Amino acid sequence: LAGTRIICDRKFLLECKNSPAARTPPCCLPQTPGVTSLAQSSLVKLEELKERNESKEAMPGEQPQGQSL
């Protein structure tokens, strides 16, 4: 397989890091919590998990999948 190899020296790459274009996210970048946008705080996540567990426990007569008596 033939291809083009791009070779950049260390100094050039370090200069690119400080470029204004490198500090601006692309316009079509998807929002991924913790990666491209701020992550939810762990306290909020714990509250959500508690609510889910409480709602599952409030449903009588249903067993979680994969568990049997």
N, C-alpha and C. Protein backbone atom coordinates (compact mmCIF):
# COMPACT_ATOMS: atom_id res chain seq x y z
N LEU A 1 0.83 -1.19 0.00
CA LEU A 1 0.00 0.00 0.00
C LEU A 1 0.87 1.24 0.00
N ALA A 2 0.57 2.12 -0.88
CA ALA A 2 1.31 3.37 -0.96
C ALA A 2 0.53 4.46 -0.25
N GLY A 3 1.26 5.36 0.36
CA GLY A 3 0.60 6.46 1.06
C GLY A 3 1.54 7.63 1.20
N THR A 4 1.00 8.70 1.71
CA THR A 4 1.80 9.89 1.93
C THR A 4 2.15 9.98 3.39
N ARG A 5 3.40 10.17 3.66
CA ARG A 5 3.85 10.32 5.04
C ARG A 5 4.13 11.79 5.30
N ILE A 6 3.47 12.32 6.31
CA ILE A 6 3.67 13.71 6.68
C ILE A 6 4.61 13.73 7.87
N ILE A 7 5.70 14.47 7.75
CA ILE A 7 6.69 14.53 8.82
C ILE A 7 6.73 15.95 9.34
N CYS A 8 6.50 16.10 10.65
CA CYS A 8 6.55 17.41 11.30
C CYS A 8 7.57 17.34 12.42
N ASP A 9 8.31 18.42 12.59
CA ASP A 9 9.26 18.42 13.70
C ASP A 9 8.57 18.87 14.99
N ARG A 10 9.23 18.63 16.11
CA ARG A 10 8.67 18.91 17.43
C ARG A 10 8.34 20.38 17.61
N LYS A 11 9.22 21.26 17.15
CA LYS A 11 9.01 22.70 17.31
C LYS A 11 7.72 23.15 16.61
N PHE A 12 7.49 22.66 15.39
CA PHE A 12 6.29 23.03 14.64
C PHE A 12 5.02 22.56 15.37
N LEU A 13 5.06 21.33 15.87
CA LEU A 13 3.89 20.81 16.57
C LEU A 13 3.60 21.58 17.85
N LEU A 14 4.63 21.98 18.58
CA LEU A 14 4.43 22.77 19.79
C LEU A 14 3.88 24.15 19.46
N GLU A 15 4.28 24.73 18.34
CA GLU A 15 3.74 26.02 17.92
C GLU A 15 2.26 25.89 17.53
N CYS A 16 1.90 24.79 16.92
CA CYS A 16 0.49 24.56 16.52
C CYS A 16 -0.42 24.47 17.74
N LYS A 17 0.11 23.98 18.84
CA LYS A 17 -0.68 23.84 20.07
C LYS A 17 -1.23 25.18 20.53
N ASN A 18 -0.49 26.24 20.33
CA ASN A 18 -0.89 27.57 20.78
C ASN A 18 -1.66 28.36 19.72
N SER A 19 -1.94 27.75 18.61
CA SER A 19 -2.67 28.42 17.54
C SER A 19 -4.12 28.68 17.95
N PRO A 20 -4.72 29.82 17.54
CA PRO A 20 -6.13 30.07 17.85
C PRO A 20 -7.06 29.00 17.28
N ALA A 21 -6.71 28.43 16.13
CA ALA A 21 -7.54 27.39 15.52
C ALA A 21 -7.55 26.12 16.37
N ALA A 22 -6.46 25.87 17.09
CA ALA A 22 -6.38 24.67 17.93
C ALA A 22 -7.21 24.82 19.20
N ARG A 23 -7.54 26.03 19.57
CA ARG A 23 -8.31 26.27 20.79
C ARG A 23 -9.81 26.33 20.54
N THR A 24 -10.24 26.32 19.30
CA THR A 24 -11.65 26.41 18.94
C THR A 24 -12.15 25.03 18.55
N PRO A 25 -13.21 24.52 19.19
CA PRO A 25 -13.72 23.20 18.78
C PRO A 25 -14.39 23.29 17.41
N PRO A 26 -14.35 22.20 16.65
CA PRO A 26 -15.02 22.18 15.35
C PRO A 26 -16.52 22.43 15.51
N CYS A 27 -17.15 23.01 14.49
CA CYS A 27 -18.56 23.39 14.59
C CYS A 27 -19.50 22.19 14.69
N CYS A 28 -19.15 21.07 14.10
CA CYS A 28 -20.06 19.91 14.05
C CYS A 28 -19.68 18.83 15.07
N LEU A 29 -18.89 19.17 16.06
CA LEU A 29 -18.45 18.20 17.05
C LEU A 29 -19.61 17.81 17.96
N PRO A 30 -19.89 16.51 18.14
CA PRO A 30 -21.00 16.10 19.01
C PRO A 30 -20.67 16.40 20.47
N GLN A 31 -21.70 16.60 21.27
CA GLN A 31 -21.53 16.88 22.69
C GLN A 31 -21.44 15.57 23.47
N THR A 32 -20.27 15.27 24.00
CA THR A 32 -20.04 14.07 24.78
C THR A 32 -19.64 14.50 26.19
N PRO A 33 -20.51 14.26 27.19
CA PRO A 33 -20.19 14.70 28.55
C PRO A 33 -18.86 14.13 29.03
N GLY A 34 -18.05 15.00 29.58
CA GLY A 34 -16.75 14.58 30.08
C GLY A 34 -15.66 14.59 29.03
N VAL A 35 -16.04 14.71 27.75
CA VAL A 35 -15.04 14.73 26.69
C VAL A 35 -15.07 16.08 25.98
N THR A 36 -16.20 16.41 25.37
CA THR A 36 -16.31 17.68 24.65
C THR A 36 -17.10 18.72 25.42
N SER A 37 -17.74 18.34 26.50
CA SER A 37 -18.45 19.29 27.36
C SER A 37 -18.20 18.89 28.81
N LEU A 38 -18.56 19.77 29.71
CA LEU A 38 -18.32 19.48 31.12
C LEU A 38 -19.12 18.26 31.57
N ALA A 39 -18.51 17.43 32.39
CA ALA A 39 -19.18 16.24 32.91
C ALA A 39 -20.11 16.63 34.04
N GLN A 40 -21.17 15.83 34.23
CA GLN A 40 -22.05 16.04 35.38
C GLN A 40 -21.26 15.76 36.64
N SER A 41 -21.61 16.45 37.69
CA SER A 41 -20.92 16.19 38.96
C SER A 41 -21.30 14.80 39.46
N SER A 42 -20.42 14.21 40.22
CA SER A 42 -20.68 12.87 40.73
C SER A 42 -21.87 12.85 41.67
N LEU A 43 -22.13 13.96 42.35
CA LEU A 43 -23.28 14.04 43.25
C LEU A 43 -24.58 13.93 42.47
N VAL A 44 -24.66 14.59 41.33
CA VAL A 44 -25.86 14.51 40.49
C VAL A 44 -26.06 13.09 39.99
N LYS A 45 -24.97 12.43 39.61
CA LYS A 45 -25.06 11.05 39.13
C LYS A 45 -25.57 10.13 40.24
N LEU A 46 -25.09 10.33 41.46
CA LEU A 46 -25.54 9.50 42.57
C LEU A 46 -27.03 9.70 42.81
N GLU A 47 -27.51 10.94 42.73
CA GLU A 47 -28.94 11.21 42.91
C GLU A 47 -29.76 10.48 41.85
N GLU A 48 -29.29 10.52 40.60
CA GLU A 48 -30.01 9.83 39.52
C GLU A 48 -30.06 8.33 39.77
N LEU A 49 -28.95 7.74 40.21
CA LEU A 49 -28.93 6.30 40.48
C LEU A 49 -29.87 5.93 41.61
N LYS A 50 -29.93 6.77 42.65
CA LYS A 50 -30.84 6.51 43.75
C LYS A 50 -32.29 6.53 43.26
N GLU A 51 -32.62 7.52 42.44
CA GLU A 51 -33.98 7.62 41.92
C GLU A 51 -34.34 6.40 41.08
N ARG A 52 -33.41 5.94 40.25
CA ARG A 52 -33.67 4.76 39.42
C ARG A 52 -33.92 3.53 40.29
N ASN A 53 -33.06 3.34 41.30
CA ASN A 53 -33.21 2.18 42.18
C ASN A 53 -34.53 2.24 42.95
N GLU A 54 -34.90 3.41 43.43
CA GLU A 54 -36.15 3.56 44.16
C GLU A 54 -37.35 3.28 43.26
N SER A 55 -37.27 3.72 42.01
CA SER A 55 -38.40 3.48 41.10
C SER A 55 -38.51 1.99 40.75
N LYS A 56 -37.38 1.29 40.66
CA LYS A 56 -37.41 -0.15 40.39
C LYS A 56 -38.00 -0.90 41.58
N GLU A 57 -37.64 -0.48 42.79
CA GLU A 57 -38.16 -1.14 44.00
C GLU A 57 -39.64 -0.87 44.19
N ALA A 58 -40.13 0.25 43.68
CA ALA A 58 -41.53 0.62 43.85
C ALA A 58 -42.45 -0.18 42.93
N MET A 59 -41.89 -0.88 41.95
CA MET A 59 -42.69 -1.66 41.00
C MET A 59 -42.87 -3.07 41.56
N PRO A 60 -44.01 -3.38 42.17
CA PRO A 60 -44.20 -4.72 42.74
C PRO A 60 -44.47 -5.77 41.66
N GLY A 61 -44.05 -7.00 41.97
CA GLY A 61 -44.37 -8.13 41.09
C GLY A 61 -43.41 -8.32 39.95
N GLU A 62 -42.44 -7.44 39.76
CA GLU A 62 -41.49 -7.61 38.67
C GLU A 62 -40.15 -8.00 39.24
N GLN A 63 -39.50 -8.97 38.56
CA GLN A 63 -38.16 -9.37 38.97
C GLN A 63 -37.17 -8.85 37.94
N PRO A 64 -35.99 -8.44 38.38
CA PRO A 64 -34.97 -8.01 37.42
C PRO A 64 -34.60 -9.17 36.51
N GLN A 65 -34.25 -8.88 35.28
CA GLN A 65 -33.90 -9.92 34.33
C GLN A 65 -32.62 -10.60 34.76
N GLY A 66 -32.53 -11.89 34.51
CA GLY A 66 -31.34 -12.64 34.85
C GLY A 66 -31.32 -13.18 36.25
N GLN A 67 -32.32 -12.83 37.07
CA GLN A 67 -32.37 -13.34 38.44
C GLN A 67 -33.64 -14.13 38.61
N SER A 68 -33.53 -15.27 39.24
CA SER A 68 -34.71 -16.08 39.51
C SER A 68 -34.66 -16.56 40.95
N LEU A 69 -35.79 -16.94 41.48
CA LEU A 69 -35.87 -17.43 42.85
C LEU A 69 -35.61 -18.89 42.94
